[in-house]
């Protein structure tokens, strides 16, 4: 999956495909606090820009909190 193909609001499955990791690793990453995650019930949502900033190392965990 390319950056251009990512939706503006990512779901766990989008992150999984982009990073080419397993779903358990994806949930562990989303629970790690390394980037801002929105939980709606059991669903996880992440802003594309927040995720890409984390991926590129442009934003530290302190800035996200």
N, C-alpha and C. Protein backbone atom coordinates (compact mmCIF):
# COMPACT_ATOMS: atom_id res chain seq x y z
N UNK A 1 0.85 -1.18 0.00
CA UNK A 1 0.00 0.00 0.00
C UNK A 1 0.89 1.24 0.00
N UNK A 2 0.56 2.19 -0.85
CA UNK A 2 1.32 3.43 -0.96
C UNK A 2 0.69 4.51 -0.08
N UNK A 3 1.46 5.51 0.26
CA UNK A 3 0.95 6.63 1.07
C UNK A 3 -0.26 7.28 0.42
N UNK A 4 -0.21 7.40 -0.89
CA UNK A 4 -1.30 8.06 -1.61
C UNK A 4 -2.60 7.26 -1.51
N UNK A 5 -2.49 5.98 -1.28
CA UNK A 5 -3.67 5.11 -1.20
C UNK A 5 -4.32 5.11 0.17
N UNK A 6 -3.63 5.65 1.17
CA UNK A 6 -4.17 5.64 2.52
C UNK A 6 -5.35 6.61 2.63
N UNK A 7 -6.41 6.22 3.34
CA UNK A 7 -7.51 7.15 3.58
C UNK A 7 -7.10 8.20 4.62
N UNK A 8 -7.84 9.28 4.73
CA UNK A 8 -7.51 10.35 5.68
C UNK A 8 -7.58 9.88 7.12
N UNK A 9 -8.46 8.92 7.41
CA UNK A 9 -8.58 8.34 8.74
C UNK A 9 -8.31 6.84 8.60
N UNK A 10 -7.24 6.40 9.26
CA UNK A 10 -6.81 5.01 9.13
C UNK A 10 -7.50 4.10 10.14
N UNK A 11 -7.73 2.89 9.72
CA UNK A 11 -8.18 1.83 10.60
C UNK A 11 -6.99 0.90 10.82
N UNK A 12 -7.11 -0.01 11.77
CA UNK A 12 -6.02 -0.95 12.05
C UNK A 12 -5.61 -1.71 10.80
N UNK A 13 -6.57 -2.10 10.00
CA UNK A 13 -6.27 -2.86 8.78
C UNK A 13 -5.41 -2.05 7.81
N UNK A 14 -5.65 -0.74 7.71
CA UNK A 14 -4.84 0.12 6.84
C UNK A 14 -3.38 0.15 7.32
N UNK A 15 -3.20 0.28 8.63
CA UNK A 15 -1.85 0.32 9.20
C UNK A 15 -1.17 -1.02 8.97
N UNK A 16 -1.90 -2.09 9.17
CA UNK A 16 -1.38 -3.45 8.96
C UNK A 16 -0.85 -3.62 7.54
N UNK A 17 -1.65 -3.21 6.58
CA UNK A 17 -1.25 -3.36 5.17
C UNK A 17 -0.06 -2.46 4.83
N UNK A 18 -0.09 -1.22 5.33
CA UNK A 18 0.97 -0.27 5.01
C UNK A 18 2.32 -0.74 5.56
N UNK A 19 2.33 -1.24 6.79
CA UNK A 19 3.57 -1.67 7.42
C UNK A 19 3.92 -3.13 7.13
N UNK A 20 2.97 -3.85 6.52
CA UNK A 20 3.16 -5.26 6.21
C UNK A 20 3.51 -6.06 7.46
N UNK A 21 2.67 -5.88 8.49
CA UNK A 21 2.84 -6.59 9.76
C UNK A 21 1.54 -7.33 10.08
N UNK A 22 1.58 -8.16 11.09
CA UNK A 22 0.41 -8.91 11.51
C UNK A 22 -0.58 -8.05 12.28
N UNK A 23 -1.79 -8.53 12.41
CA UNK A 23 -2.83 -7.76 13.08
C UNK A 23 -2.53 -7.61 14.57
N UNK A 24 -1.95 -8.64 15.20
CA UNK A 24 -1.60 -8.51 16.62
C UNK A 24 -0.53 -7.46 16.83
N UNK A 25 0.47 -7.42 15.95
CA UNK A 25 1.50 -6.38 16.01
C UNK A 25 0.88 -5.00 15.80
N UNK A 26 -0.09 -4.93 14.92
CA UNK A 26 -0.77 -3.66 14.65
C UNK A 26 -1.48 -3.16 15.90
N UNK A 27 -2.22 -4.02 16.56
CA UNK A 27 -2.92 -3.62 17.78
C UNK A 27 -1.94 -3.27 18.89
N UNK A 28 -0.84 -4.00 18.99
CA UNK A 28 0.20 -3.67 19.98
C UNK A 28 0.76 -2.28 19.70
N UNK A 29 1.04 -1.99 18.44
CA UNK A 29 1.57 -0.68 18.06
C UNK A 29 0.58 0.43 18.40
N UNK A 30 -0.68 0.20 18.08
CA UNK A 30 -1.70 1.22 18.35
C UNK A 30 -1.91 1.44 19.84
N UNK A 31 -1.62 0.44 20.64
CA UNK A 31 -1.76 0.54 22.09
C UNK A 31 -0.50 1.05 22.77
N UNK A 32 0.57 1.21 22.02
CA UNK A 32 1.87 1.55 22.59
C UNK A 32 2.00 3.01 23.01
N UNK A 33 1.12 3.87 22.52
CA UNK A 33 1.21 5.29 22.85
C UNK A 33 2.21 6.05 22.00
N UNK A 34 2.73 5.43 20.95
CA UNK A 34 3.71 6.10 20.10
C UNK A 34 3.10 7.17 19.21
N UNK A 35 1.79 7.07 18.97
CA UNK A 35 1.08 8.11 18.22
C UNK A 35 -0.36 8.16 18.72
N UNK A 36 -1.02 9.27 18.47
CA UNK A 36 -2.37 9.50 18.96
C UNK A 36 -3.37 8.58 18.26
N UNK A 37 -4.15 7.89 19.06
CA UNK A 37 -5.16 6.95 18.57
C UNK A 37 -6.51 7.36 19.15
N UNK A 38 -7.54 7.29 18.33
CA UNK A 38 -8.90 7.54 18.80
C UNK A 38 -9.61 6.20 18.86
N UNK A 39 -10.20 5.91 19.98
CA UNK A 39 -10.96 4.67 20.14
C UNK A 39 -12.44 5.01 20.18
N UNK A 40 -13.18 4.35 19.34
CA UNK A 40 -14.64 4.50 19.29
C UNK A 40 -15.18 3.10 19.57
N UNK A 41 -15.57 2.89 20.81
CA UNK A 41 -15.92 1.54 21.21
C UNK A 41 -14.67 0.69 21.11
N UNK A 42 -14.75 -0.37 20.35
CA UNK A 42 -13.59 -1.25 20.15
C UNK A 42 -12.80 -0.89 18.90
N UNK A 43 -13.29 0.07 18.15
CA UNK A 43 -12.63 0.44 16.90
C UNK A 43 -11.51 1.45 17.15
N UNK A 44 -10.46 1.34 16.35
CA UNK A 44 -9.31 2.23 16.44
C UNK A 44 -9.25 3.08 15.19
N UNK A 45 -9.04 4.38 15.39
CA UNK A 45 -8.89 5.31 14.26
C UNK A 45 -7.66 6.16 14.50
N UNK A 46 -6.92 6.41 13.42
CA UNK A 46 -5.70 7.21 13.49
C UNK A 46 -5.70 8.16 12.31
N UNK A 47 -5.38 9.42 12.57
CA UNK A 47 -5.25 10.39 11.49
C UNK A 47 -4.09 9.97 10.58
N UNK A 48 -4.31 10.05 9.29
CA UNK A 48 -3.26 9.72 8.32
C UNK A 48 -2.03 10.57 8.58
N UNK A 49 -2.22 11.86 8.81
CA UNK A 49 -1.09 12.76 9.00
C UNK A 49 -0.32 12.42 10.27
N UNK A 50 -1.02 12.12 11.36
CA UNK A 50 -0.36 11.74 12.62
C UNK A 50 0.45 10.46 12.40
N UNK A 51 -0.14 9.50 11.73
CA UNK A 51 0.56 8.23 11.48
C UNK A 51 1.80 8.45 10.62
N UNK A 52 1.67 9.20 9.54
CA UNK A 52 2.82 9.43 8.65
C UNK A 52 3.90 10.25 9.35
N UNK A 53 3.52 11.20 10.20
CA UNK A 53 4.52 11.94 10.98
C UNK A 53 5.30 10.99 11.86
N UNK A 54 4.60 10.06 12.52
CA UNK A 54 5.26 9.06 13.35
C UNK A 54 6.17 8.18 12.49
N UNK A 55 5.66 7.72 11.38
CA UNK A 55 6.39 6.82 10.50
C UNK A 55 7.68 7.47 10.00
N UNK A 56 7.61 8.76 9.70
CA UNK A 56 8.77 9.48 9.18
C UNK A 56 9.68 10.00 10.29
N UNK A 57 9.25 9.85 11.55
CA UNK A 57 10.04 10.34 12.67
C UNK A 57 9.96 11.83 12.85
N UNK A 58 8.89 12.45 12.31
CA UNK A 58 8.73 13.91 12.37
C UNK A 58 8.11 14.38 13.67
N UNK A 59 7.59 13.47 14.46
CA UNK A 59 6.86 13.88 15.65
C UNK A 59 7.18 12.91 16.77
N UNK A 60 7.58 13.46 17.92
CA UNK A 60 7.89 12.60 19.06
C UNK A 60 6.63 12.26 19.83
N UNK A 61 6.70 11.29 20.69
CA UNK A 61 5.55 10.87 21.49
C UNK A 61 5.07 12.00 22.38
N UNK A 62 6.00 12.86 22.87
CA UNK A 62 5.61 13.97 23.74
C UNK A 62 4.73 14.97 23.00
N UNK A 63 5.01 15.21 21.72
CA UNK A 63 4.22 16.14 20.94
C UNK A 63 2.82 15.62 20.68
N UNK A 64 2.67 14.31 20.63
CA UNK A 64 1.37 13.70 20.35
C UNK A 64 0.47 13.76 21.56
N UNK A 65 1.03 13.60 22.76
CA UNK A 65 0.23 13.54 23.99
C UNK A 65 -0.52 14.80 24.27
